[in-house]
PDB file of all heavy atoms in Angstrom:
ATOM      1  N   ILE A   1     -88.360 208.664 254.839  1.00  0.00           N
ATOM      2  CA  ILE A   1     -88.585 207.966 256.035  1.00  0.00           C
ATOM      3  C   ILE A   1     -87.487 208.280 257.075  1.00  0.00           C
ATOM      4  O   ILE A   1     -86.282 208.007 256.725  1.00  0.00           O
ATOM      5  CB  ILE A   1     -88.678 206.492 255.768  1.00  0.00           C
ATOM      6  CG1 ILE A   1     -89.837 206.113 254.881  1.00  0.00           C
ATOM      7  CG2 ILE A   1     -88.782 205.620 257.103  1.00  0.00           C
ATOM      8  CD1 ILE A   1     -89.807 204.673 254.427  1.00  0.00           C
ATOM      9  N   PRO A   2     -87.696 208.717 258.224  1.00  0.00           N
ATOM     10  CA  PRO A   2     -86.650 209.059 259.245  1.00  0.00           C
ATOM     11  C   PRO A   2     -85.780 207.708 259.431  1.00  0.00           C
ATOM     12  O   PRO A   2     -86.340 206.666 259.623  1.00  0.00           O
ATOM     13  CB  PRO A   2     -87.411 209.469 260.568  1.00  0.00           C
ATOM     14  CG  PRO A   2     -88.772 210.009 259.994  1.00  0.00           C
ATOM     15  CD  PRO A   2     -89.047 209.047 258.821  1.00  0.00           C
ATOM     16  N   MET A   3     -84.525 208.039 259.515  1.00  0.00           N
ATOM     17  CA  MET A   3     -83.625 206.871 259.596  1.00  0.00           C
ATOM     18  C   MET A   3     -83.835 206.083 260.850  1.00  0.00           C
ATOM     19  O   MET A   3     -83.691 204.861 260.979  1.00  0.00           O
ATOM     20  CB  MET A   3     -82.078 207.317 259.505  1.00  0.00           C
ATOM     21  CG  MET A   3     -81.772 207.858 258.158  1.00  0.00           C
ATOM     22  SD  MET A   3     -80.114 208.335 257.923  1.00  0.00           S
ATOM     23  CE  MET A   3     -79.246 206.730 257.922  1.00  0.00           C
ATOM     24  N   GLU A   4     -84.226 206.769 261.979  1.00  0.00           N
ATOM     25  CA  GLU A   4     -84.509 206.023 263.179  1.00  0.00           C
ATOM     26  C   GLU A   4     -85.758 205.097 263.091  1.00  0.00           C
ATOM     27  O   GLU A   4     -85.844 204.247 264.031  1.00  0.00           O
ATOM     28  CB  GLU A   4     -84.698 206.959 264.390  1.00  0.00           C
ATOM     29  CG  GLU A   4     -85.814 208.044 264.267  1.00  0.00           C
ATOM     30  CD  GLU A   4     -85.556 209.300 263.562  1.00  0.00           C
ATOM     31  OE1 GLU A   4     -84.421 209.362 262.809  1.00  0.00           O
ATOM     32  OE2 GLU A   4     -86.324 210.255 263.713  1.00  0.00           O
ATOM     33  N   GLU A   5     -86.604 205.262 262.154  1.00  0.00           N
ATOM     34  CA  GLU A   5     -87.744 204.444 261.982  1.00  0.00           C
ATOM     35  C   GLU A   5     -87.408 203.076 261.246  1.00  0.00           C
ATOM     36  O   GLU A   5     -88.068 202.186 261.358  1.00  0.00           O
ATOM     37  CB  GLU A   5     -88.857 205.134 261.257  1.00  0.00           C
ATOM     38  CG  GLU A   5     -89.526 206.293 262.083  1.00  0.00           C
ATOM     39  CD  GLU A   5     -90.779 206.800 261.311  1.00  0.00           C
ATOM     40  OE1 GLU A   5     -91.214 206.238 260.313  1.00  0.00           O
ATOM     41  OE2 GLU A   5     -91.198 207.898 261.827  1.00  0.00           O
ATOM     42  N   VAL A   6     -86.272 203.111 260.588  1.00  0.00           N
ATOM     43  CA  VAL A   6     -85.939 201.829 259.854  1.00  0.00           C
ATOM     44  C   VAL A   6     -84.406 201.562 260.074  1.00  0.00           C
ATOM     45  O   VAL A   6     -83.550 201.598 259.192  1.00  0.00           O
ATOM     46  CB  VAL A   6     -86.075 202.007 258.322  1.00  0.00           C
ATOM     47  CG1 VAL A   6     -87.639 201.880 258.049  1.00  0.00           C
ATOM     48  CG2 VAL A   6     -85.628 203.369 257.783  1.00  0.00           C
ATOM     49  N   PRO A   7     -84.046 201.205 261.305  1.00  0.00           N
ATOM     50  CA  PRO A   7     -82.719 200.796 261.711  1.00  0.00           C
ATOM     51  C   PRO A   7     -82.233 199.601 260.878  1.00  0.00           C
ATOM     52  O   PRO A   7     -83.094 198.685 260.544  1.00  0.00           O
ATOM     53  CB  PRO A   7     -82.723 200.526 263.187  1.00  0.00           C
ATOM     54  CG  PRO A   7     -84.140 200.256 263.539  1.00  0.00           C
ATOM     55  CD  PRO A   7     -84.927 201.036 262.581  1.00  0.00           C
ATOM     56  N   PRO A   8     -80.969 199.384 260.586  1.00  0.00           N
ATOM     57  CA  PRO A   8     -80.636 198.200 259.847  1.00  0.00           C
ATOM     58  C   PRO A   8     -81.059 196.896 260.419  1.00  0.00           C
ATOM     59  O   PRO A   8     -81.269 195.882 259.656  1.00  0.00           O
ATOM     60  CB  PRO A   8     -79.058 198.400 259.770  1.00  0.00           C
ATOM     61  CG  PRO A   8     -78.862 199.764 259.881  1.00  0.00           C
ATOM     62  CD  PRO A   8     -79.964 200.347 260.799  1.00  0.00           C
ATOM     63  N   GLU A   9     -81.153 196.807 261.764  1.00  0.00           N
ATOM     64  CA  GLU A   9     -81.474 195.590 262.360  1.00  0.00           C
ATOM     65  C   GLU A   9     -82.956 195.222 262.149  1.00  0.00           C
ATOM     66  O   GLU A   9     -83.298 194.028 262.339  1.00  0.00           O
ATOM     67  CB  GLU A   9     -81.227 195.507 263.823  1.00  0.00           C
ATOM     68  CG  GLU A   9     -81.839 196.638 264.597  1.00  0.00           C
ATOM     69  CD  GLU A   9     -81.051 197.865 264.814  1.00  0.00           C
ATOM     70  OE1 GLU A   9     -80.084 198.060 263.917  1.00  0.00           O
ATOM     71  OE2 GLU A   9     -81.276 198.635 265.746  1.00  0.00           O
ATOM     72  N   GLU A  10     -83.774 196.110 261.675  1.00  0.00           N
ATOM     73  CA  GLU A  10     -85.131 195.899 261.280  1.00  0.00           C
ATOM     74  C   GLU A  10     -85.334 195.681 259.818  1.00  0.00           C
ATOM     75  O   GLU A  10     -86.483 195.465 259.295  1.00  0.00           O
ATOM     76  CB  GLU A  10     -86.116 196.936 261.852  1.00  0.00           C
ATOM     77  CG  GLU A  10     -86.063 197.045 263.321  1.00  0.00           C
ATOM     78  CD  GLU A  10     -87.009 198.009 263.999  1.00  0.00           C
ATOM     79  OE1 GLU A  10     -87.891 198.577 263.126  1.00  0.00           O
ATOM     80  OE2 GLU A  10     -86.987 198.265 265.156  1.00  0.00           O
ATOM     81  N   ILE A  11     -84.284 195.678 259.091  1.00  0.00           N
ATOM     82  CA  ILE A  11     -84.204 195.375 257.617  1.00  0.00           C
ATOM     83  C   ILE A  11     -83.795 193.933 257.382  1.00  0.00           C
ATOM     84  O   ILE A  11     -82.621 193.737 257.696  1.00  0.00           O
ATOM     85  CB  ILE A  11     -83.382 196.399 256.836  1.00  0.00           C
ATOM     86  CG1 ILE A  11     -83.959 197.892 257.145  1.00  0.00           C
ATOM     87  CG2 ILE A  11     -83.405 196.132 255.340  1.00  0.00           C
ATOM     88  CD1 ILE A  11     -83.058 198.967 256.473  1.00  0.00           C
ATOM     89  N   ASN A  12     -84.671 193.109 256.917  1.00  0.00           N
ATOM     90  CA  ASN A  12     -84.421 191.718 256.787  1.00  0.00           C
ATOM     91  C   ASN A  12     -83.821 191.309 255.432  1.00  0.00           C
ATOM     92  O   ASN A  12     -84.549 191.595 254.377  1.00  0.00           O
ATOM     93  CB  ASN A  12     -85.608 190.895 257.109  1.00  0.00           C
ATOM     94  CG  ASN A  12     -86.110 191.126 258.617  1.00  0.00           C
ATOM     95  OD1 ASN A  12     -85.414 190.985 259.528  1.00  0.00           O
ATOM     96  ND2 ASN A  12     -87.366 191.606 258.716  1.00  0.00           N
ATOM     97  N   TYR A  13     -82.680 190.652 255.286  1.00  0.00           N
ATOM     98  CA  TYR A  13     -82.153 190.216 254.130  1.00  0.00           C
ATOM     99  C   TYR A  13     -82.522 188.867 253.758  1.00  0.00           C
ATOM    100  O   TYR A  13     -82.261 187.900 254.564  1.00  0.00           O
ATOM    101  CB  TYR A  13     -80.603 190.362 254.210  1.00  0.00           C
ATOM    102  CG  TYR A  13     -79.715 189.631 253.217  1.00  0.00           C
ATOM    103  CD1 TYR A  13     -80.169 189.585 251.921  1.00  0.00           C
ATOM    104  CD2 TYR A  13     -78.524 188.984 253.656  1.00  0.00           C
ATOM    105  CE1 TYR A  13     -79.295 188.763 250.972  1.00  0.00           C
ATOM    106  CE2 TYR A  13     -77.748 188.273 252.750  1.00  0.00           C
ATOM    107  CZ  TYR A  13     -78.181 188.213 251.408  1.00  0.00           C
ATOM    108  OH  TYR A  13     -77.363 187.504 250.546  1.00  0.00           O
ATOM    109  N   LEU A  14     -83.207 188.699 252.671  1.00  0.00           N
ATOM    110  CA  LEU A  14     -83.701 187.308 252.257  1.00  0.00           C
ATOM    111  C   LEU A  14     -82.734 186.503 251.338  1.00  0.00           C
ATOM    112  O   LEU A  14     -82.216 185.507 251.711  1.00  0.00           O
ATOM    113  CB  LEU A  14     -85.101 187.421 251.625  1.00  0.00           C
ATOM    114  CG  LEU A  14     -86.327 187.235 252.614  1.00  0.00           C
ATOM    115  CD1 LEU A  14     -86.354 188.430 253.537  1.00  0.00           C
ATOM    116  CD2 LEU A  14     -87.651 187.116 251.702  1.00  0.00           C
ATOM    117  N   THR A  15     -82.531 187.162 250.203  1.00  0.00           N
ATOM    118  CA  THR A  15     -81.697 186.328 249.218  1.00  0.00           C
ATOM    119  C   THR A  15     -81.288 187.359 248.154  1.00  0.00           C
ATOM    120  O   THR A  15     -81.381 188.605 248.349  1.00  0.00           O
ATOM    121  CB  THR A  15     -82.552 185.314 248.627  1.00  0.00           C
ATOM    122  OG1 THR A  15     -81.736 184.377 247.841  1.00  0.00           O
ATOM    123  CG2 THR A  15     -83.688 185.778 247.736  1.00  0.00           C
ATOM    124  N   ARG A  16     -80.632 186.882 247.064  1.00  0.00           N
ATOM    125  CA  ARG A  16     -80.220 187.755 246.068  1.00  0.00           C
ATOM    126  C   ARG A  16     -80.609 187.279 244.652  1.00  0.00           C
ATOM    127  O   ARG A  16     -80.773 185.992 244.462  1.00  0.00           O
ATOM    128  CB  ARG A  16     -78.580 187.793 246.057  1.00  0.00           C
ATOM    129  CG  ARG A  16     -77.926 188.503 247.214  1.00  0.00           C
ATOM    130  CD  ARG A  16     -76.456 188.124 247.342  1.00  0.00           C
ATOM    131  NE  ARG A  16     -76.261 186.651 247.690  1.00  0.00           N
ATOM    132  CZ  ARG A  16     -75.112 186.084 247.660  1.00  0.00           C
ATOM    133  NH1 ARG A  16     -73.897 186.847 247.435  1.00  0.00           N
ATOM    134  NH2 ARG A  16     -74.944 184.871 248.133  1.00  0.00           N
ATOM    135  N   ILE A  17     -80.759 188.170 243.662  1.00  0.00           N
ATOM    136  CA  ILE A  17     -81.035 187.790 242.380  1.00  0.00           C
ATOM    137  C   ILE A  17     -79.987 188.530 241.472  1.00  0.00           C
ATOM    138  O   ILE A  17     -79.463 189.610 241.798  1.00  0.00           O
ATOM    139  CB  ILE A  17     -82.463 188.227 241.854  1.00  0.00           C
ATOM    140  CG1 ILE A  17     -82.723 189.784 241.774  1.00  0.00           C
ATOM    141  CG2 ILE A  17     -83.510 187.485 242.744  1.00  0.00           C
ATOM    142  CD1 ILE A  17     -83.972 190.195 241.084  1.00  0.00           C
ATOM    143  N   HIS A  18     -79.795 187.949 240.362  1.00  0.00           N
ATOM    144  CA  HIS A  18     -78.885 188.459 239.305  1.00  0.00           C
ATOM    145  C   HIS A  18     -79.584 188.638 238.064  1.00  0.00           C
ATOM    146  O   HIS A  18     -80.142 187.664 237.534  1.00  0.00           O
ATOM    147  CB  HIS A  18     -77.603 187.511 239.087  1.00  0.00           C
ATOM    148  CG  HIS A  18     -76.636 187.978 238.063  1.00  0.00           C
ATOM    149  ND1 HIS A  18     -75.636 187.069 237.557  1.00  0.00           N
ATOM    150  CD2 HIS A  18     -76.506 189.101 237.369  1.00  0.00           C
ATOM    151  CE1 HIS A  18     -74.881 187.767 236.700  1.00  0.00           C
ATOM    152  NE2 HIS A  18     -75.425 188.953 236.569  1.00  0.00           N
ATOM    153  N   TYR A  19     -79.739 189.870 237.542  1.00  0.00           N
ATOM    154  CA  TYR A  19     -80.447 190.154 236.297  1.00  0.00           C
ATOM    155  C   TYR A  19     -79.854 191.267 235.573  1.00  0.00           C
ATOM    156  O   TYR A  19     -78.886 192.022 235.973  1.00  0.00           O
ATOM    157  CB  TYR A  19     -81.913 190.541 236.754  1.00  0.00           C
ATOM    158  CG  TYR A  19     -82.053 192.013 237.243  1.00  0.00           C
ATOM    159  CD1 TYR A  19     -82.364 193.023 236.267  1.00  0.00           C
ATOM    160  CD2 TYR A  19     -81.636 192.380 238.379  1.00  0.00           C
ATOM    161  CE1 TYR A  19     -82.467 194.343 236.646  1.00  0.00           C
ATOM    162  CE2 TYR A  19     -81.802 193.654 238.881  1.00  0.00           C
ATOM    163  CZ  TYR A  19     -82.080 194.673 237.885  1.00  0.00           C
ATOM    164  OH  TYR A  19     -82.177 195.993 238.272  1.00  0.00           O
ATOM    165  N   LYS A  20     -80.236 191.385 234.273  1.00  0.00           N
ATOM    166  CA  LYS A  20     -79.738 192.504 233.395  1.00  0.00           C
ATOM    167  C   LYS A  20     -80.899 192.983 232.643  1.00  0.00           C
ATOM    168  O   LYS A  20     -81.723 192.205 232.103  1.00  0.00           O
ATOM    169  CB  LYS A  20     -78.658 191.805 232.496  1.00  0.00           C
ATOM    170  CG  LYS A  20     -78.101 192.891 231.498  1.00  0.00           C
ATOM    171  CD  LYS A  20     -76.790 192.369 230.808  1.00  0.00           C
ATOM    172  CE  LYS A  20     -76.975 191.071 230.005  1.00  0.00           C
ATOM    173  NZ  LYS A  20     -75.694 190.730 229.275  1.00  0.00           N
ATOM    174  N   ALA A  21     -80.986 194.278 232.405  1.00  0.00           N
ATOM    175  CA  ALA A  21     -82.102 194.878 231.623  1.00  0.00           C
ATOM    176  C   ALA A  21     -81.736 196.183 231.134  1.00  0.00           C
ATOM    177  O   ALA A  21     -80.954 197.002 231.648  1.00  0.00           O
ATOM    178  CB  ALA A  21     -83.325 194.958 232.453  1.00  0.00           C
ATOM    179  N   GLN A  22     -82.142 196.493 229.847  1.00  0.00           N
ATOM    180  CA  GLN A  22     -81.932 197.795 229.142  1.00  0.00           C
ATOM    181  C   GLN A  22     -83.004 198.750 229.520  1.00  0.00           C
ATOM    182  O   GLN A  22     -84.194 198.344 229.466  1.00  0.00           O
ATOM    183  CB  GLN A  22     -81.773 197.634 227.720  1.00  0.00           C
ATOM    184  CG  GLN A  22     -80.444 197.123 227.245  1.00  0.00           C
ATOM    185  CD  GLN A  22     -80.199 197.303 225.718  1.00  0.00           C
ATOM    186  OE1 GLN A  22     -80.962 197.807 225.027  1.00  0.00           O
ATOM    187  NE2 GLN A  22     -79.108 196.840 225.323  1.00  0.00           N
ATOM    188  N   SER A  23     -82.699 199.959 229.798  1.00  0.00           N
ATOM    189  CA  SER A  23     -83.751 200.968 229.948  1.00  0.00           C
ATOM    190  C   SER A  23     -84.074 201.619 228.667  1.00  0.00           C
ATOM    191  O   SER A  23     -85.199 201.902 228.281  1.00  0.00           O
ATOM    192  CB  SER A  23     -83.411 202.003 230.994  1.00  0.00           C
ATOM    193  OG  SER A  23     -84.356 203.010 231.155  1.00  0.00           O
ATOM    194  N   ASP A  24     -83.046 201.979 227.977  1.00  0.00           N
ATOM    195  CA  ASP A  24     -83.195 202.451 226.615  1.00  0.00           C
ATOM    196  C   ASP A  24     -81.878 202.288 225.812  1.00  0.00           C
ATOM    197  O   ASP A  24     -81.167 201.290 226.217  1.00  0.00           O
ATOM    198  CB  ASP A  24     -83.391 204.051 226.588  1.00  0.00           C
ATOM    199  CG  ASP A  24     -82.344 204.835 227.413  1.00  0.00           C
ATOM    200  OD1 ASP A  24     -81.094 204.345 227.486  1.00  0.00           O
ATOM    201  OD2 ASP A  24     -82.642 205.930 227.858  1.00  0.00           O
ATOM    202  N   GLY A  25     -81.590 202.864 224.736  1.00  0.00           N
ATOM    203  CA  GLY A  25     -80.384 202.527 223.943  1.00  0.00           C
ATOM    204  C   GLY A  25     -79.126 202.897 224.611  1.00  0.00           C
ATOM    205  O   GLY A  25     -77.996 202.409 224.113  1.00  0.00           O
ATOM    206  N   ILE A  26     -79.086 203.686 225.644  1.00  0.00           N
ATOM    207  CA  ILE A  26     -77.883 204.174 226.276  1.00  0.00           C
ATOM    208  C   ILE A  26     -77.687 203.613 227.694  1.00  0.00           C
ATOM    209  O   ILE A  26     -76.736 203.068 228.078  1.00  0.00           O
ATOM    210  CB  ILE A  26     -77.852 205.650 226.426  1.00  0.00           C
ATOM    211  CG1 ILE A  26     -77.862 206.297 224.963  1.00  0.00           C
ATOM    212  CG2 ILE A  26     -76.623 206.084 227.205  1.00  0.00           C
ATOM    213  CD1 ILE A  26     -77.880 207.783 225.040  1.00  0.00           C
TER     214      ILE A  26
END
């Protein structure tokens, strides 16, 4: 996606989550 199509001012920050998850043994 060209950077000019998604300037930071058009990216809306809602909230935050804290999570933990394993992908595999490493």
